[in-house]
Amino acid sequence: MANRGRLKAIGTILLSCLMLLAAVVPAVSAPEKTVDVVITTEQGNISLRLYPERAPITVKNFLRNMDAGIYQGGQFYRAVRMDNQRPANTTITLIQGGRNPAVKPLPPVPHETTEMTGISHQNGVISMARLEPGTATSEFFICIGDNSALDYGSDRNPDKQGYATFGVVTDGMEVVMQIQNQPTNVPMQDPNSPVKGQIMEKPVRILNITRK
């Protein structure tokens, strides 16, 4: 009987220790799900990591376009630098591209703001181009440096909704910079166009975008 009592006491002490340990050590959360893709261009490859848990709508749209072959034969056609943008309260630096011009775009998707995703427009971040909120289809841009002026709440755009970020470059920023340095200044029909002086003389072809 004495031995049984001692064993019971030891068991109680061990259970208490385990409960205390569980309270002190935080639970290990599951790793975030990501999707790795590569943009193959005639200038080189750009590897991306997409965040479907943070930006489910936007990532799903990008992958939908990718799987449909929308980007095969597409192009980077816009390069924004410090030397080719109009004076403004905020400046941006990026490259923009998208679908094959001969391919009809898929329907637009609802707008996911940076406030919703928690992904700011920082160096290497990829985001969707748009006109009004909820008009993004296939066109995207890659940030070079701090472009937080494109985040939610910024007054760069009158609607202050910013753009929909959904991933980041993991390898190939040197290719992004090389594309940004392509000659621009294609004449525009509209002299007041916000992209005046930013359209490449020779767009850089996107050969394909595929999962890694």
Protein backbone atom coordinates (compact mmCIF):
# COMPACT_ATOMS: atom_id res chain seq x y z
CA MET A 1 0.00 0.00 0.00
CA ALA A 2 2.85 2.37 0.86
CA ASN A 3 4.53 1.74 -2.52
CA ARG A 4 1.26 2.35 -4.33
CA GLY A 5 0.86 5.65 -2.51
CA ARG A 6 4.37 6.75 -3.40
CA LEU A 7 3.82 5.86 -7.07
CA LYS A 8 0.60 7.84 -7.09
CA ALA A 9 2.36 10.83 -5.57
CA ILE A 10 5.18 10.62 -8.13
CA GLY A 11 2.63 10.41 -10.94
CA THR A 12 0.87 13.49 -9.64
CA ILE A 13 4.16 15.41 -9.50
CA LEU A 14 5.08 14.37 -13.08
CA LEU A 15 1.65 15.41 -14.37
CA SER A 16 2.02 18.79 -12.66
CA CYS A 17 5.47 19.25 -14.24
CA LEU A 18 4.13 18.43 -17.69
CA MET A 19 1.26 20.89 -17.29
CA LEU A 20 3.68 23.58 -16.16
CA LEU A 21 5.98 22.87 -19.12
CA ALA A 22 3.03 23.10 -21.53
CA ALA A 23 2.13 26.49 -20.09
CA VAL A 24 5.69 27.81 -20.45
CA VAL A 25 6.63 26.43 -23.89
CA PRO A 26 4.55 27.98 -26.70
CA ALA A 27 2.80 25.66 -29.11
CA VAL A 28 4.71 25.12 -32.36
CA SER A 29 2.57 26.46 -35.19
CA ALA A 30 2.50 24.85 -38.60
CA PRO A 31 4.83 26.50 -41.15
CA GLU A 32 3.19 28.99 -43.50
CA LYS A 33 2.12 27.53 -46.82
CA THR A 34 3.87 29.12 -49.79
CA VAL A 35 4.06 28.58 -53.54
CA ASP A 36 7.36 29.01 -55.41
CA VAL A 37 7.28 30.01 -59.06
CA VAL A 38 9.83 31.21 -61.60
CA ILE A 39 9.43 33.87 -64.27
CA THR A 40 11.57 32.91 -67.24
CA THR A 41 12.47 35.99 -69.32
CA GLU A 42 14.83 36.58 -72.19
CA GLN A 43 17.02 38.51 -69.72
CA GLY A 44 17.15 35.71 -67.13
CA ASN A 45 15.05 34.08 -64.41
CA ILE A 46 13.21 35.68 -61.50
CA SER A 47 12.18 33.35 -58.66
CA LEU A 48 9.15 34.27 -56.54
CA ARG A 49 7.59 33.04 -53.32
CA LEU A 50 3.82 33.57 -53.15
CA TYR A 51 1.76 33.72 -49.95
CA PRO A 52 -1.66 32.08 -50.45
CA GLU A 53 -2.53 32.26 -46.75
CA ARG A 54 -1.98 36.02 -46.58
CA ALA A 55 -3.34 36.91 -50.04
CA PRO A 56 -5.61 34.01 -51.06
CA ILE A 57 -7.62 35.85 -53.73
CA THR A 58 -4.63 37.45 -55.44
CA VAL A 59 -2.42 34.35 -55.38
CA LYS A 60 -5.26 32.21 -56.74
CA ASN A 61 -5.75 34.71 -59.55
CA PHE A 62 -2.05 34.79 -60.44
CA LEU A 63 -1.83 30.98 -60.48
CA ARG A 64 -5.03 30.81 -62.53
CA ASN A 65 -3.49 33.11 -65.13
CA MET A 66 -0.24 31.15 -65.03
CA ASP A 67 -1.93 27.76 -65.48
CA ALA A 68 -4.07 29.14 -68.32
CA GLY A 69 -0.93 30.17 -70.23
CA ILE A 70 -1.81 33.86 -70.02
CA TYR A 71 1.81 34.81 -69.28
CA GLN A 72 3.44 32.59 -71.89
CA GLY A 73 4.77 35.05 -74.47
CA GLY A 74 3.97 37.99 -72.21
CA GLN A 75 6.27 40.91 -71.56
CA PHE A 76 7.71 43.44 -69.16
CA TYR A 77 6.94 46.75 -70.84
CA ARG A 78 7.19 49.48 -68.19
CA ALA A 79 10.23 50.57 -66.17
CA VAL A 80 9.80 53.29 -63.54
CA ARG A 81 12.98 55.00 -62.37
CA MET A 82 13.85 58.22 -60.61
CA ASP A 83 14.74 59.82 -63.94
CA ASN A 84 11.46 59.15 -65.76
CA GLN A 85 8.63 60.00 -63.36
CA ARG A 86 6.94 63.29 -62.78
CA PRO A 87 7.63 65.28 -59.61
CA ALA A 88 5.29 64.07 -56.86
CA ASN A 89 5.01 63.92 -53.10
CA THR A 90 5.98 60.25 -53.34
CA THR A 91 8.15 58.38 -55.83
CA ILE A 92 8.08 54.75 -56.94
CA THR A 93 10.61 52.48 -58.67
CA LEU A 94 9.48 49.24 -60.29
CA ILE A 95 9.03 47.16 -63.42
CA GLN A 96 5.61 46.21 -64.76
CA GLY A 97 4.55 43.38 -67.05
CA GLY A 98 1.92 40.79 -67.68
CA ARG A 99 0.01 38.74 -70.17
CA ASN A 100 0.68 38.01 -73.79
CA PRO A 101 -1.00 40.96 -75.58
CA ALA A 102 -2.60 38.52 -78.03
CA VAL A 103 -4.38 36.66 -75.21
CA LYS A 104 -7.69 37.86 -73.78
CA PRO A 105 -7.45 38.53 -70.01
CA LEU A 106 -9.53 36.56 -67.52
CA PRO A 107 -12.16 38.37 -65.41
CA PRO A 108 -10.93 40.73 -62.67
CA VAL A 109 -10.83 39.79 -58.98
CA PRO A 110 -11.74 41.58 -55.74
CA HIS A 111 -9.08 43.86 -54.29
CA GLU A 112 -6.94 42.64 -51.37
CA THR A 113 -5.27 45.58 -49.65
CA THR A 114 -1.92 45.57 -47.87
CA GLU A 115 -3.86 46.16 -44.65
CA MET A 116 -5.50 42.78 -45.23
CA THR A 117 -2.35 40.88 -46.24
CA GLY A 118 0.27 42.60 -44.11
CA ILE A 119 2.71 42.66 -47.06
CA SER A 120 4.11 46.14 -47.69
CA HIS A 121 5.48 47.25 -51.06
CA GLN A 122 9.15 46.76 -50.20
CA ASN A 123 12.13 45.68 -52.29
CA GLY A 124 11.32 42.60 -54.39
CA VAL A 125 7.62 42.48 -53.52
CA ILE A 126 5.26 41.58 -56.38
CA SER A 127 1.87 43.27 -56.62
CA MET A 128 -1.06 43.51 -59.03
CA ALA A 129 -1.53 46.52 -61.31
CA ARG A 130 -5.03 47.98 -61.52
CA LEU A 131 -7.14 50.99 -62.36
CA GLU A 132 -10.06 51.12 -59.93
CA PRO A 133 -10.09 48.73 -56.93
CA GLY A 134 -11.36 45.35 -58.08
CA THR A 135 -10.14 45.69 -61.68
CA ALA A 136 -6.89 43.69 -61.42
CA THR A 137 -6.62 40.90 -63.99
CA SER A 138 -3.17 39.78 -65.16
CA GLU A 139 -0.82 42.79 -65.06
CA PHE A 140 1.67 42.89 -62.19
CA PHE A 141 4.72 44.81 -61.03
CA ILE A 142 7.84 44.10 -58.99
CA CYS A 143 9.07 46.72 -56.53
CA ILE A 144 12.64 47.98 -56.48
CA GLY A 145 13.43 49.57 -53.13
CA ASP A 146 10.83 51.06 -50.77
CA ASN A 147 7.51 51.55 -52.56
CA SER A 148 5.31 51.84 -49.45
CA ALA A 149 3.62 54.79 -51.16
CA LEU A 150 1.62 52.09 -52.95
CA ASP A 151 0.31 50.61 -49.66
CA TYR A 152 -3.21 50.96 -48.30
CA GLY A 153 -3.90 54.41 -46.90
CA SER A 154 -1.36 56.26 -49.04
CA ASP A 155 -2.69 59.34 -50.80
CA ARG A 156 -0.72 58.64 -53.97
CA ASN A 157 -4.03 57.37 -55.39
CA PRO A 158 -7.26 59.25 -54.63
CA ASP A 159 -9.00 56.04 -53.49
CA LYS A 160 -6.21 55.34 -50.92
CA GLN A 161 -6.72 51.59 -51.38
CA GLY A 162 -3.20 50.86 -52.60
CA TYR A 163 -2.33 47.77 -54.61
CA ALA A 164 -2.58 44.04 -53.93
CA THR A 165 0.74 42.52 -52.84
CA PHE A 166 1.05 38.74 -52.80
CA GLY A 167 4.68 37.57 -52.90
CA VAL A 168 8.36 38.45 -53.02
CA VAL A 169 11.40 37.79 -55.19
CA THR A 170 13.68 35.14 -53.65
CA ASP A 171 16.28 35.12 -56.43
CA GLY A 172 16.92 37.19 -59.54
CA MET A 173 16.72 40.81 -58.37
CA GLU A 174 19.70 41.48 -60.61
CA VAL A 175 17.45 40.52 -63.55
CA VAL A 176 14.74 42.86 -62.25
CA MET A 177 17.29 45.70 -62.11
CA GLN A 178 18.54 44.87 -65.59
CA ILE A 179 15.01 45.08 -66.93
CA GLN A 180 14.43 48.38 -65.13
CA ASN A 181 17.45 49.86 -66.90
CA GLN A 182 16.10 49.15 -70.39
CA PRO A 183 15.73 52.27 -72.60
CA THR A 184 12.31 53.93 -72.28
CA ASN A 185 10.61 57.12 -73.51
CA VAL A 186 8.26 55.72 -76.15
CA PRO A 187 6.10 58.59 -77.50
CA MET A 188 2.59 58.68 -76.03
CA GLN A 189 -0.59 59.83 -77.74
CA ASP A 190 -1.69 61.39 -74.45
CA PRO A 191 0.93 63.95 -73.33
CA ASN A 192 -0.55 63.82 -69.81
CA SER A 193 -0.33 60.04 -69.49
CA PRO A 194 0.95 58.98 -66.03
CA VAL A 195 3.25 56.44 -67.72
CA LYS A 196 4.80 58.93 -70.13
CA GLY A 197 8.54 58.22 -70.49
CA GLN A 198 8.24 54.84 -68.76
CA ILE A 199 7.34 52.48 -71.62
CA MET A 200 10.28 50.41 -72.84
CA GLU A 201 11.50 50.91 -76.38
CA LYS A 202 11.89 47.13 -76.60
CA PRO A 203 9.79 45.17 -74.07
CA VAL A 204 11.46 42.22 -72.36
CA ARG A 205 9.69 38.98 -73.27
CA ILE A 206 8.31 36.68 -70.59
CA LEU A 207 8.89 33.22 -71.99
CA ASN A 208 6.80 31.53 -69.30
CA ILE A 209 5.88 31.45 -65.61
CA THR A 210 5.88 28.03 -63.97
CA ARG A 211 5.86 26.40 -60.55
CA LYS A 212 9.29 25.42 -59.23
